[in-house]
Amino acid sequence: MLKSVLFFTDAHNNHDSWFGHALSPEYRFNRAILEEYYQVTFRKKGYTSLEQLQMEVDEWLEYYNREGTHSGRYCYCKTPLQTFRDSKHLADQKRLDKLLGGQQQQQTV
């Protein structure tokens, strides 16, 4: 929780890095949800329940992941879902359980 507060505070002050480190995906996401959703929505609408807020956050996340294009380092103006699907084979190649699977079986015998 504290990490999110620090991200939000830093994003609110319009810094481009968090304590001098490269921006992490978590930082960029927290900044996006703060600037694109919370700051806009809370100016326009009041919520009477957490369930109501959660439903709208879920809708925004659907848009963010499936429709909103991103200009991040490896996104190339694709949606996060498209980027994930396009790079999933790379992540599968680097899975430790697959890479070490044969070695672990030999050690247990």
C-alpha atoms as a PDB file:
ATOM      1  CA  MET A   1       0.000   0.000   0.000  1.00  0.00           C
ATOM      2  CA  LEU A   2       2.759   2.437   0.876  1.00  0.00           C
ATOM      3  CA  LYS A   3       4.427   1.829  -2.493  1.00  0.00           C
ATOM      4  CA  SER A   4       1.230   2.866  -4.290  1.00  0.00           C
ATOM      5  CA  VAL A   5       1.011   6.015  -2.195  1.00  0.00           C
ATOM      6  CA  LEU A   6       4.577   6.884  -3.134  1.00  0.00           C
ATOM      7  CA  PHE A   7       3.805   6.251  -6.800  1.00  0.00           C
ATOM      8  CA  PHE A   8       0.708   8.429  -6.660  1.00  0.00           C
ATOM      9  CA  THR A   9       2.540  11.216  -4.824  1.00  0.00           C
ATOM     10  CA  ASP A  10       5.387  11.136  -7.299  1.00  0.00           C
ATOM     11  CA  ALA A  11       3.000  11.075 -10.279  1.00  0.00           C
ATOM     12  CA  HIS A  12       1.062  13.947  -8.757  1.00  0.00           C
ATOM     13  CA  ASN A  13       4.261  16.010  -8.644  1.00  0.00           C
ATOM     14  CA  ASN A  14       4.887  15.204 -12.336  1.00  0.00           C
ATOM     15  CA  HIS A  15       8.290  13.601 -11.855  1.00  0.00           C
ATOM     16  CA  ASP A  16       9.512  11.434 -14.693  1.00  0.00           C
ATOM     17  CA  SER A  17      11.318   8.951 -12.490  1.00  0.00           C
ATOM     18  CA  TRP A  18      10.896   7.462  -9.067  1.00  0.00           C
ATOM     19  CA  PHE A  19      13.927   8.290  -6.925  1.00  0.00           C
ATOM     20  CA  GLY A  20      16.176   8.318  -9.977  1.00  0.00           C
ATOM     21  CA  HIS A  21      15.333   4.801 -11.178  1.00  0.00           C
ATOM     22  CA  ALA A  22      13.899   3.904 -14.553  1.00  0.00           C
ATOM     23  CA  LEU A  23      10.121   3.903 -14.560  1.00  0.00           C
ATOM     24  CA  SER A  24       8.744   0.471 -13.793  1.00  0.00           C
ATOM     25  CA  PRO A  25       5.598  -0.900 -15.426  1.00  0.00           C
ATOM     26  CA  GLU A  26       3.905  -0.650 -12.020  1.00  0.00           C
ATOM     27  CA  TYR A  27       4.771   3.034 -11.777  1.00  0.00           C
ATOM     28  CA  ARG A  28       3.472   3.729 -15.277  1.00  0.00           C
ATOM     29  CA  PHE A  29       0.247   1.846 -14.564  1.00  0.00           C
ATOM     30  CA  ASN A  30      -0.297   3.640 -11.254  1.00  0.00           C
ATOM     31  CA  ARG A  31       0.295   6.976 -12.962  1.00  0.00           C
ATOM     32  CA  ALA A  32      -2.107   6.055 -15.762  1.00  0.00           C
ATOM     33  CA  ILE A  33      -4.934   4.996 -13.462  1.00  0.00           C
ATOM     34  CA  LEU A  34      -4.390   8.097 -11.330  1.00  0.00           C
ATOM     35  CA  GLU A  35      -4.285  10.600 -14.193  1.00  0.00           C
ATOM     36  CA  GLU A  36      -6.655   8.961 -16.661  1.00  0.00           C
ATOM     37  CA  TYR A  37      -9.252   7.596 -14.275  1.00  0.00           C
ATOM     38  CA  TYR A  38      -9.243   8.735 -10.645  1.00  0.00           C
ATOM     39  CA  GLN A  39      -8.429  12.431 -11.140  1.00  0.00           C
ATOM     40  CA  VAL A  40     -11.035  12.713 -13.896  1.00  0.00           C
ATOM     41  CA  THR A  41     -13.774  10.589 -12.351  1.00  0.00           C
ATOM     42  CA  PHE A  42     -13.614  11.934  -8.816  1.00  0.00           C
ATOM     43  CA  ARG A  43     -14.092  15.480 -10.113  1.00  0.00           C
ATOM     44  CA  LYS A  44     -17.282  14.492 -11.909  1.00  0.00           C
ATOM     45  CA  LYS A  45     -18.923  11.876  -9.740  1.00  0.00           C
ATOM     46  CA  GLY A  46     -19.435  10.793  -6.159  1.00  0.00           C
ATOM     47  CA  TYR A  47     -19.709   7.141  -5.229  1.00  0.00           C
ATOM     48  CA  THR A  48     -22.060   5.703  -2.647  1.00  0.00           C
ATOM     49  CA  SER A  49     -20.392   2.289  -2.416  1.00  0.00           C
ATOM     50  CA  LEU A  50     -17.105   0.556  -3.103  1.00  0.00           C
ATOM     51  CA  GLU A  51     -18.938  -1.912  -5.344  1.00  0.00           C
ATOM     52  CA  GLN A  52     -20.041   0.928  -7.630  1.00  0.00           C
ATOM     53  CA  LEU A  53     -16.487   2.275  -7.810  1.00  0.00           C
ATOM     54  CA  GLN A  54     -15.086  -1.221  -8.416  1.00  0.00           C
ATOM     55  CA  MET A  55     -17.467  -1.797 -11.335  1.00  0.00           C
ATOM     56  CA  GLU A  56     -16.322   1.406 -13.008  1.00  0.00           C
ATOM     57  CA  VAL A  57     -12.647   0.693 -12.356  1.00  0.00           C
ATOM     58  CA  ASP A  58     -13.142  -2.745 -13.942  1.00  0.00           C
ATOM     59  CA  GLU A  59     -14.687  -1.102 -17.008  1.00  0.00           C
ATOM     60  CA  TRP A  60     -11.769   1.325 -17.244  1.00  0.00           C
ATOM     61  CA  LEU A  61      -9.297  -1.576 -16.966  1.00  0.00           C
ATOM     62  CA  GLU A  62     -11.042  -3.347 -19.841  1.00  0.00           C
ATOM     63  CA  TYR A  63     -10.621  -0.226 -21.945  1.00  0.00           C
ATOM     64  CA  TYR A  64      -7.011   0.278 -20.793  1.00  0.00           C
ATOM     65  CA  ASN A  65      -6.000  -3.290 -21.672  1.00  0.00           C
ATOM     66  CA  ARG A  66      -8.075  -3.942 -24.796  1.00  0.00           C
ATOM     67  CA  GLU A  67      -8.691  -0.622 -26.553  1.00  0.00           C
ATOM     68  CA  GLY A  68      -6.283   2.034 -25.344  1.00  0.00           C
ATOM     69  CA  THR A  69      -3.067   2.014 -27.366  1.00  0.00           C
ATOM     70  CA  HIS A  70       0.235   2.653 -25.599  1.00  0.00           C
ATOM     71  CA  SER A  71       3.451   4.227 -26.733  1.00  0.00           C
ATOM     72  CA  GLY A  72       5.705   2.433 -24.258  1.00  0.00           C
ATOM     73  CA  ARG A  73       9.137   1.076 -25.061  1.00  0.00           C
ATOM     74  CA  TYR A  74       7.947  -2.230 -26.524  1.00  0.00           C
ATOM     75  CA  CYS A  75       4.284  -1.454 -27.155  1.00  0.00           C
ATOM     76  CA  TYR A  76       4.602   0.273 -30.541  1.00  0.00           C
ATOM     77  CA  CYS A  77       1.102   1.797 -30.253  1.00  0.00           C
ATOM     78  CA  LYS A  78      -0.496  -1.557 -29.499  1.00  0.00           C
ATOM     79  CA  THR A  79      -2.825  -2.281 -26.607  1.00  0.00           C
ATOM     80  CA  PRO A  80      -1.329  -4.027 -23.547  1.00  0.00           C
ATOM     81  CA  LEU A  81      -3.269  -7.156 -24.466  1.00  0.00           C
ATOM     82  CA  GLN A  82      -1.807  -7.167 -27.991  1.00  0.00           C
ATOM     83  CA  THR A  83       1.683  -6.626 -26.580  1.00  0.00           C
ATOM     84  CA  PHE A  84       1.178  -9.515 -24.139  1.00  0.00           C
ATOM     85  CA  ARG A  85      -0.060 -11.853 -26.852  1.00  0.00           C
ATOM     86  CA  ASP A  86       2.754 -10.889 -29.232  1.00  0.00           C
ATOM     87  CA  SER A  87       5.442 -11.508 -26.598  1.00  0.00           C
ATOM     88  CA  LYS A  88       3.962 -14.493 -24.751  1.00  0.00           C
ATOM     89  CA  HIS A  89       6.142 -16.944 -26.693  1.00  0.00           C
ATOM     90  CA  LEU A  90       9.243 -15.111 -25.399  1.00  0.00           C
ATOM     91  CA  ALA A  91       8.095 -15.458 -21.803  1.00  0.00           C
ATOM     92  CA  ASP A  92       7.318 -19.142 -22.348  1.00  0.00           C
ATOM     93  CA  GLN A  93      10.853 -19.729 -23.651  1.00  0.00           C
ATOM     94  CA  LYS A  94      12.308 -18.248 -20.460  1.00  0.00           C
ATOM     95  CA  ARG A  95      10.173 -20.103 -17.922  1.00  0.00           C
ATOM     96  CA  LEU A  96      12.483 -21.632 -15.349  1.00  0.00           C
ATOM     97  CA  ASP A  97      10.365 -24.709 -14.847  1.00  0.00           C
ATOM     98  CA  LYS A  98      10.823 -25.537 -18.531  1.00  0.00           C
ATOM     99  CA  LEU A  99      14.495 -24.614 -18.611  1.00  0.00           C
ATOM    100  CA  LEU A 100      15.332 -26.488 -15.417  1.00  0.00           C
ATOM    101  CA  GLY A 101      12.740 -29.237 -15.769  1.00  0.00           C
ATOM    102  CA  GLY A 102      15.179 -31.837 -17.013  1.00  0.00           C
ATOM    103  CA  GLN A 103      17.831 -30.924 -14.426  1.00  0.00           C
ATOM    104  CA  GLN A 104      15.348 -31.074 -11.543  1.00  0.00           C
ATOM    105  CA  GLN A 105      14.138 -34.517 -12.603  1.00  0.00           C
ATOM    106  CA  GLN A 106      17.733 -35.806 -12.732  1.00  0.00           C
ATOM    107  CA  GLN A 107      18.461 -34.480  -9.236  1.00  0.00           C
ATOM    108  CA  THR A 108      15.441 -36.220  -7.691  1.00  0.00           C
ATOM    109  CA  VAL A 109      16.370 -39.645  -9.118  1.00  0.00           C
END
